[in-house]
């Protein structure tokens, strides 16, 4: 079974966000595999171990993204492909999906996995867009995945409930928390990852029109949310508290 995993390198979720000149500063920041993509990598490795084949991880990003790729290979992925995004003009989800489609079209695959969203932008668009470009089925927020021959059965998270879906290969699925517990790279795995093949591509290597890679969205502003104000405890009898609450909602919160 040929398994592809699309992943992204993102800020460590413990990092403090700093805005400088309208941009998020990357100075001294630790980057990691997008947490939802870790579930995808883990599931890909489990599928390979069960059905045979190989796992190829793919990313679009700067040179530093190699660290995330090597981590995925240390977990057990067999090889990787990095597409340098420096030649892409402010790539958005549309451009990233088209770049990934150009890469995937030259590969053999049975299933494509990815995280259901990236924790930095939270758009959850790349997976569905890629499936549409490849003209294959797509199922998002998967919490259980079983493959029997050409048949794919999944359990999908739907706002606190579970949906059961059956489909056929080839397919693209995106992982939700709960699909598995990602493994930590072992020391032998880290050493082996250094020797695993990692192919580097740029826009000129892809069969895609540069005009199609123009961003369809524009970031107008980047800012931190306002600091939370201290809460207020209402005292007195319930009727007095209710009266004071209504007054505060009208005069301070201005919501009524």
Protein backbone atom coordinates (compact mmCIF):
# COMPACT_ATOMS: atom_id res chain seq x y z
CA UNK A 1 0.00 0.00 0.00
CA UNK A 2 1.34 3.40 -0.99
CA UNK A 3 0.53 5.93 1.71
CA UNK A 4 1.09 9.68 1.46
CA UNK A 5 1.03 12.08 4.40
CA UNK A 6 0.74 15.83 3.92
CA UNK A 7 2.15 17.70 6.89
CA UNK A 8 3.03 21.22 7.92
CA UNK A 9 5.64 22.62 10.28
CA UNK A 10 4.05 25.00 12.78
CA UNK A 11 4.89 26.92 15.95
CA UNK A 12 5.20 24.80 19.07
CA UNK A 13 1.85 25.25 20.82
CA UNK A 14 3.70 26.33 23.97
CA UNK A 15 5.36 29.27 22.22
CA UNK A 16 4.40 32.85 23.05
CA UNK A 17 3.17 34.75 20.00
CA UNK A 18 4.88 38.11 19.36
CA UNK A 19 3.68 40.58 16.71
CA UNK A 20 6.31 42.84 15.10
CA UNK A 21 5.53 45.23 12.23
CA UNK A 22 2.22 43.50 11.58
CA UNK A 23 3.83 40.05 11.29
CA UNK A 24 4.28 37.12 13.67
CA UNK A 25 7.90 37.08 14.78
CA UNK A 26 9.78 33.79 14.32
CA UNK A 27 12.79 34.97 16.32
CA UNK A 28 13.88 32.19 18.68
CA UNK A 29 10.69 30.20 18.07
CA UNK A 30 10.59 26.39 18.29
CA UNK A 31 8.89 24.72 15.31
CA UNK A 32 7.30 21.27 15.38
CA UNK A 33 5.11 19.01 13.25
CA UNK A 34 1.58 20.37 13.29
CA UNK A 35 -0.01 18.34 16.14
CA UNK A 36 -2.95 17.09 14.02
CA UNK A 37 -0.49 15.96 11.35
CA UNK A 38 1.25 13.80 13.95
CA UNK A 39 -1.92 11.69 14.14
CA UNK A 40 -1.78 11.33 10.36
CA UNK A 41 1.87 10.21 10.42
CA UNK A 42 1.19 7.69 13.18
CA UNK A 43 -1.84 6.26 11.38
CA UNK A 44 0.12 5.98 8.14
CA UNK A 45 2.86 3.99 9.87
CA UNK A 46 0.28 1.67 11.43
CA UNK A 47 -1.39 1.09 8.06
CA UNK A 48 1.95 0.31 6.44
CA UNK A 49 2.87 -2.13 9.20
CA UNK A 50 -0.51 -3.86 8.78
CA UNK A 51 -0.82 -3.88 4.98
CA UNK A 52 2.76 -3.43 3.77
CA UNK A 53 4.02 -0.75 1.38
CA UNK A 54 5.66 2.55 2.24
CA UNK A 55 4.91 5.95 3.76
CA UNK A 56 5.94 9.17 2.01
CA UNK A 57 5.61 12.47 3.85
CA UNK A 58 5.19 15.67 1.84
CA UNK A 59 5.39 19.32 2.89
CA UNK A 60 5.46 22.77 1.34
CA UNK A 61 7.63 25.10 3.36
CA UNK A 62 10.96 26.80 3.97
CA UNK A 63 14.30 25.09 4.50
CA UNK A 64 13.66 24.72 8.25
CA UNK A 65 10.75 22.35 7.44
CA UNK A 66 13.34 19.59 7.00
CA UNK A 67 13.33 19.23 10.79
CA UNK A 68 9.65 18.25 10.76
CA UNK A 69 10.25 15.83 7.90
CA UNK A 70 13.14 14.15 9.70
CA UNK A 71 10.98 13.84 12.81
CA UNK A 72 8.27 12.10 10.78
CA UNK A 73 10.87 9.76 9.31
CA UNK A 74 12.27 9.11 12.78
CA UNK A 75 8.74 8.07 13.79
CA UNK A 76 8.84 5.54 10.93
CA UNK A 77 7.98 7.20 7.60
CA UNK A 78 10.09 5.86 4.75
CA UNK A 79 10.90 8.97 2.73
CA UNK A 80 10.00 12.61 2.26
CA UNK A 81 9.45 15.36 -0.29
CA UNK A 82 9.89 19.08 0.45
CA UNK A 83 8.66 21.75 -1.92
CA UNK A 84 10.44 25.04 -1.25
CA UNK A 85 7.86 27.81 -0.79
CA UNK A 86 10.29 30.73 -1.15
CA UNK A 87 9.33 31.17 -4.81
CA UNK A 88 5.62 31.19 -3.96
CA UNK A 89 4.16 34.65 -3.45
CA UNK A 90 2.34 34.59 -0.07
CA UNK A 91 0.95 31.08 -0.57
CA UNK A 92 -2.53 30.50 0.83
CA UNK A 93 -4.58 27.29 1.09
CA UNK A 94 -5.46 27.44 -2.61
CA UNK A 95 -1.82 27.67 -3.71
CA UNK A 96 -0.62 25.03 -1.23
CA UNK A 97 -3.28 22.56 -2.39
CA UNK A 98 -2.33 23.08 -6.03
CA UNK A 99 1.36 22.56 -5.27
CA UNK A 100 0.59 19.37 -3.35
CA UNK A 101 -1.64 18.15 -6.19
CA UNK A 102 1.20 18.70 -8.66
CA UNK A 103 3.49 16.59 -6.48
CA UNK A 104 0.93 13.85 -5.82
CA UNK A 105 0.00 13.52 -9.50
CA UNK A 106 3.48 12.14 -10.14
CA UNK A 107 3.18 9.54 -7.37
CA UNK A 108 1.36 6.26 -6.91
CA UNK A 109 -0.91 6.23 -3.87
CA UNK A 110 -3.79 4.34 -2.29
CA UNK A 111 -4.54 6.73 0.55
CA UNK A 112 -3.55 10.26 1.56
CA UNK A 113 -3.62 11.37 5.19
CA UNK A 114 -3.24 14.75 6.84
CA UNK A 115 -4.27 16.61 9.96
CA UNK A 116 -7.75 18.07 9.73
CA UNK A 117 -6.33 21.56 10.29
CA UNK A 118 -3.10 23.42 11.07
CA UNK A 119 -2.93 25.01 14.51
CA UNK A 120 -1.46 28.24 13.13
CA UNK A 121 -4.20 29.25 10.68
CA UNK A 122 -6.98 26.80 11.55
CA UNK A 123 -8.54 26.99 8.08
CA UNK A 124 -8.97 23.21 7.57
CA UNK A 125 -9.04 23.82 3.79
CA UNK A 126 -5.95 22.17 2.33
CA UNK A 127 -7.16 18.57 2.68
CA UNK A 128 -10.57 19.08 1.04
CA UNK A 129 -9.07 21.29 -1.69
CA UNK A 130 -6.42 18.68 -2.48
CA UNK A 131 -8.99 15.88 -2.70
CA UNK A 132 -11.10 17.98 -5.05
CA UNK A 133 -8.11 18.67 -7.30
CA UNK A 134 -7.24 14.96 -7.37
CA UNK A 135 -10.90 14.01 -7.94
CA UNK A 136 -10.95 11.50 -5.08
CA UNK A 137 -13.27 11.11 -2.05
CA UNK A 138 -12.47 13.01 1.14
CA UNK A 139 -13.50 12.41 4.76
CA UNK A 140 -12.46 14.86 7.49
CA UNK A 141 -12.02 14.67 11.30
CA UNK A 142 -11.55 10.89 11.34
CA UNK A 143 -11.21 9.23 14.78
CA UNK A 144 -11.07 5.60 13.59
CA UNK A 145 -9.86 4.16 10.29
CA UNK A 146 -10.07 0.58 9.00
CA UNK A 147 -9.09 -0.69 5.54
CA UNK A 148 -10.13 -4.09 4.20
CA UNK A 149 -9.07 -4.62 0.60
CA UNK A 150 -10.44 -1.63 -1.32
CA UNK A 151 -13.01 -0.79 1.35
CA UNK A 152 -12.41 2.05 3.85
CA UNK A 153 -14.50 2.35 7.00
CA UNK A 154 -14.16 5.36 9.28
CA UNK A 155 -15.63 6.91 12.36
CA UNK A 156 -15.85 10.67 11.99
CA UNK A 157 -16.17 13.31 14.71
CA UNK A 158 -19.26 15.48 14.16
CA UNK A 159 -19.53 18.04 16.98
CA UNK A 160 -19.70 15.64 19.91
CA UNK A 161 -21.28 12.74 18.02
CA UNK A 162 -19.93 10.03 15.70
CA UNK A 163 -20.71 9.44 12.03
CA UNK A 164 -19.90 6.09 10.39
CA UNK A 165 -18.86 6.23 6.73
CA UNK A 166 -17.78 3.60 4.20
CA UNK A 167 -15.86 4.48 1.04
CA UNK A 168 -13.40 3.04 -1.49
CA UNK A 169 -9.70 3.57 -2.17
CA UNK A 170 -8.11 5.83 -3.28
CA UNK A 171 -9.22 8.36 -0.69
CA UNK A 172 -7.99 11.34 1.35
CA UNK A 173 -8.77 11.47 5.07
CA UNK A 174 -7.87 14.06 7.69
CA UNK A 175 -7.11 13.10 11.28
CA UNK A 176 -8.82 14.36 14.40
CA UNK A 177 -7.51 14.04 17.95
CA UNK A 178 -8.37 10.58 19.25
CA UNK A 179 -7.46 8.68 16.08
CA UNK A 180 -4.37 7.29 17.83
CA UNK A 181 -1.55 8.17 20.20
CA UNK A 182 1.49 9.35 18.18
CA UNK A 183 4.73 7.62 19.11
CA UNK A 184 7.88 9.41 20.18
CA UNK A 185 10.85 9.01 17.83
CA UNK A 186 13.32 6.51 19.27
CA UNK A 187 17.08 7.07 19.22
CA UNK A 188 17.59 4.34 16.57
CA UNK A 189 14.74 5.91 14.59
CA UNK A 190 16.39 9.32 14.75
CA UNK A 191 19.68 7.88 13.51
CA UNK A 192 17.97 6.01 10.65
CA UNK A 193 16.02 9.11 9.66
CA UNK A 194 19.25 10.92 8.81
CA UNK A 195 19.88 8.45 5.98
CA UNK A 196 16.35 8.18 4.60
CA UNK A 197 15.75 9.81 1.19
CA UNK A 198 14.48 13.37 1.21
CA UNK A 199 13.72 14.91 -2.18
CA UNK A 200 13.77 18.69 -2.59
CA UNK A 201 11.66 20.39 -5.23
CA UNK A 202 10.82 23.97 -6.17
CA UNK A 203 8.11 25.55 -8.30
CA UNK A 204 10.12 25.02 -11.51
CA UNK A 205 10.09 21.25 -10.93
CA UNK A 206 6.30 21.09 -10.87
CA UNK A 207 3.86 20.86 -13.76
CA UNK A 208 1.75 23.79 -12.61
CA UNK A 209 1.01 27.20 -14.08
CA UNK A 210 2.51 29.96 -11.91
CA UNK A 211 -0.63 32.04 -12.46
CA UNK A 212 -2.61 29.35 -10.62
CA UNK A 213 -0.41 29.74 -7.55
CA UNK A 214 -1.45 33.33 -6.90
CA UNK A 215 -3.04 33.64 -3.45
CA UNK A 216 -6.82 33.97 -3.51
CA UNK A 217 -6.91 35.48 -0.03
CA UNK A 218 -5.21 38.50 1.53
CA UNK A 219 -4.24 39.08 5.16
CA UNK A 220 -5.32 42.60 6.09
CA UNK A 221 -4.11 42.69 9.68
CA UNK A 222 -2.51 40.50 12.34
CA UNK A 223 -3.13 41.27 16.00
CA UNK A 224 -3.33 39.65 19.42
CA UNK A 225 -6.69 39.34 21.19
CA UNK A 226 -7.36 41.96 23.90
CA UNK A 227 -6.24 41.11 27.39
CA UNK A 228 -8.94 39.58 29.53
CA UNK A 229 -10.34 41.83 32.22
CA UNK A 230 -10.81 40.65 35.77
CA UNK A 231 -14.18 39.09 36.48
CA UNK A 232 -16.73 40.57 38.89
CA UNK A 233 -18.50 38.65 41.64
CA UNK A 234 -22.05 39.73 42.34
CA UNK A 235 -23.12 39.72 45.97
CA UNK A 236 -26.44 39.89 47.80
CA UNK A 237 -29.74 38.10 47.35
CA UNK A 238 -30.49 36.42 43.97
CA UNK A 239 -33.00 39.10 43.03
CA UNK A 240 -30.45 41.84 43.77
CA UNK A 241 -27.76 40.00 41.79
CA UNK A 242 -30.09 39.61 38.82
CA UNK A 243 -30.93 43.31 38.89
CA UNK A 244 -27.25 44.29 39.09
CA UNK A 245 -26.36 41.84 36.29
CA UNK A 246 -28.95 43.36 33.96
CA UNK A 247 -27.65 46.83 34.77
CA UNK A 248 -24.03 45.81 34.05
CA UNK A 249 -25.00 44.12 30.78
CA UNK A 250 -26.72 47.32 29.71
CA UNK A 251 -24.19 49.94 30.89
CA UNK A 252 -20.80 48.19 30.75
CA UNK A 253 -21.06 45.24 28.37
CA UNK A 254 -23.65 47.07 26.22
CA UNK A 255 -25.18 43.84 25.02
CA UNK A 256 -28.79 44.69 25.92
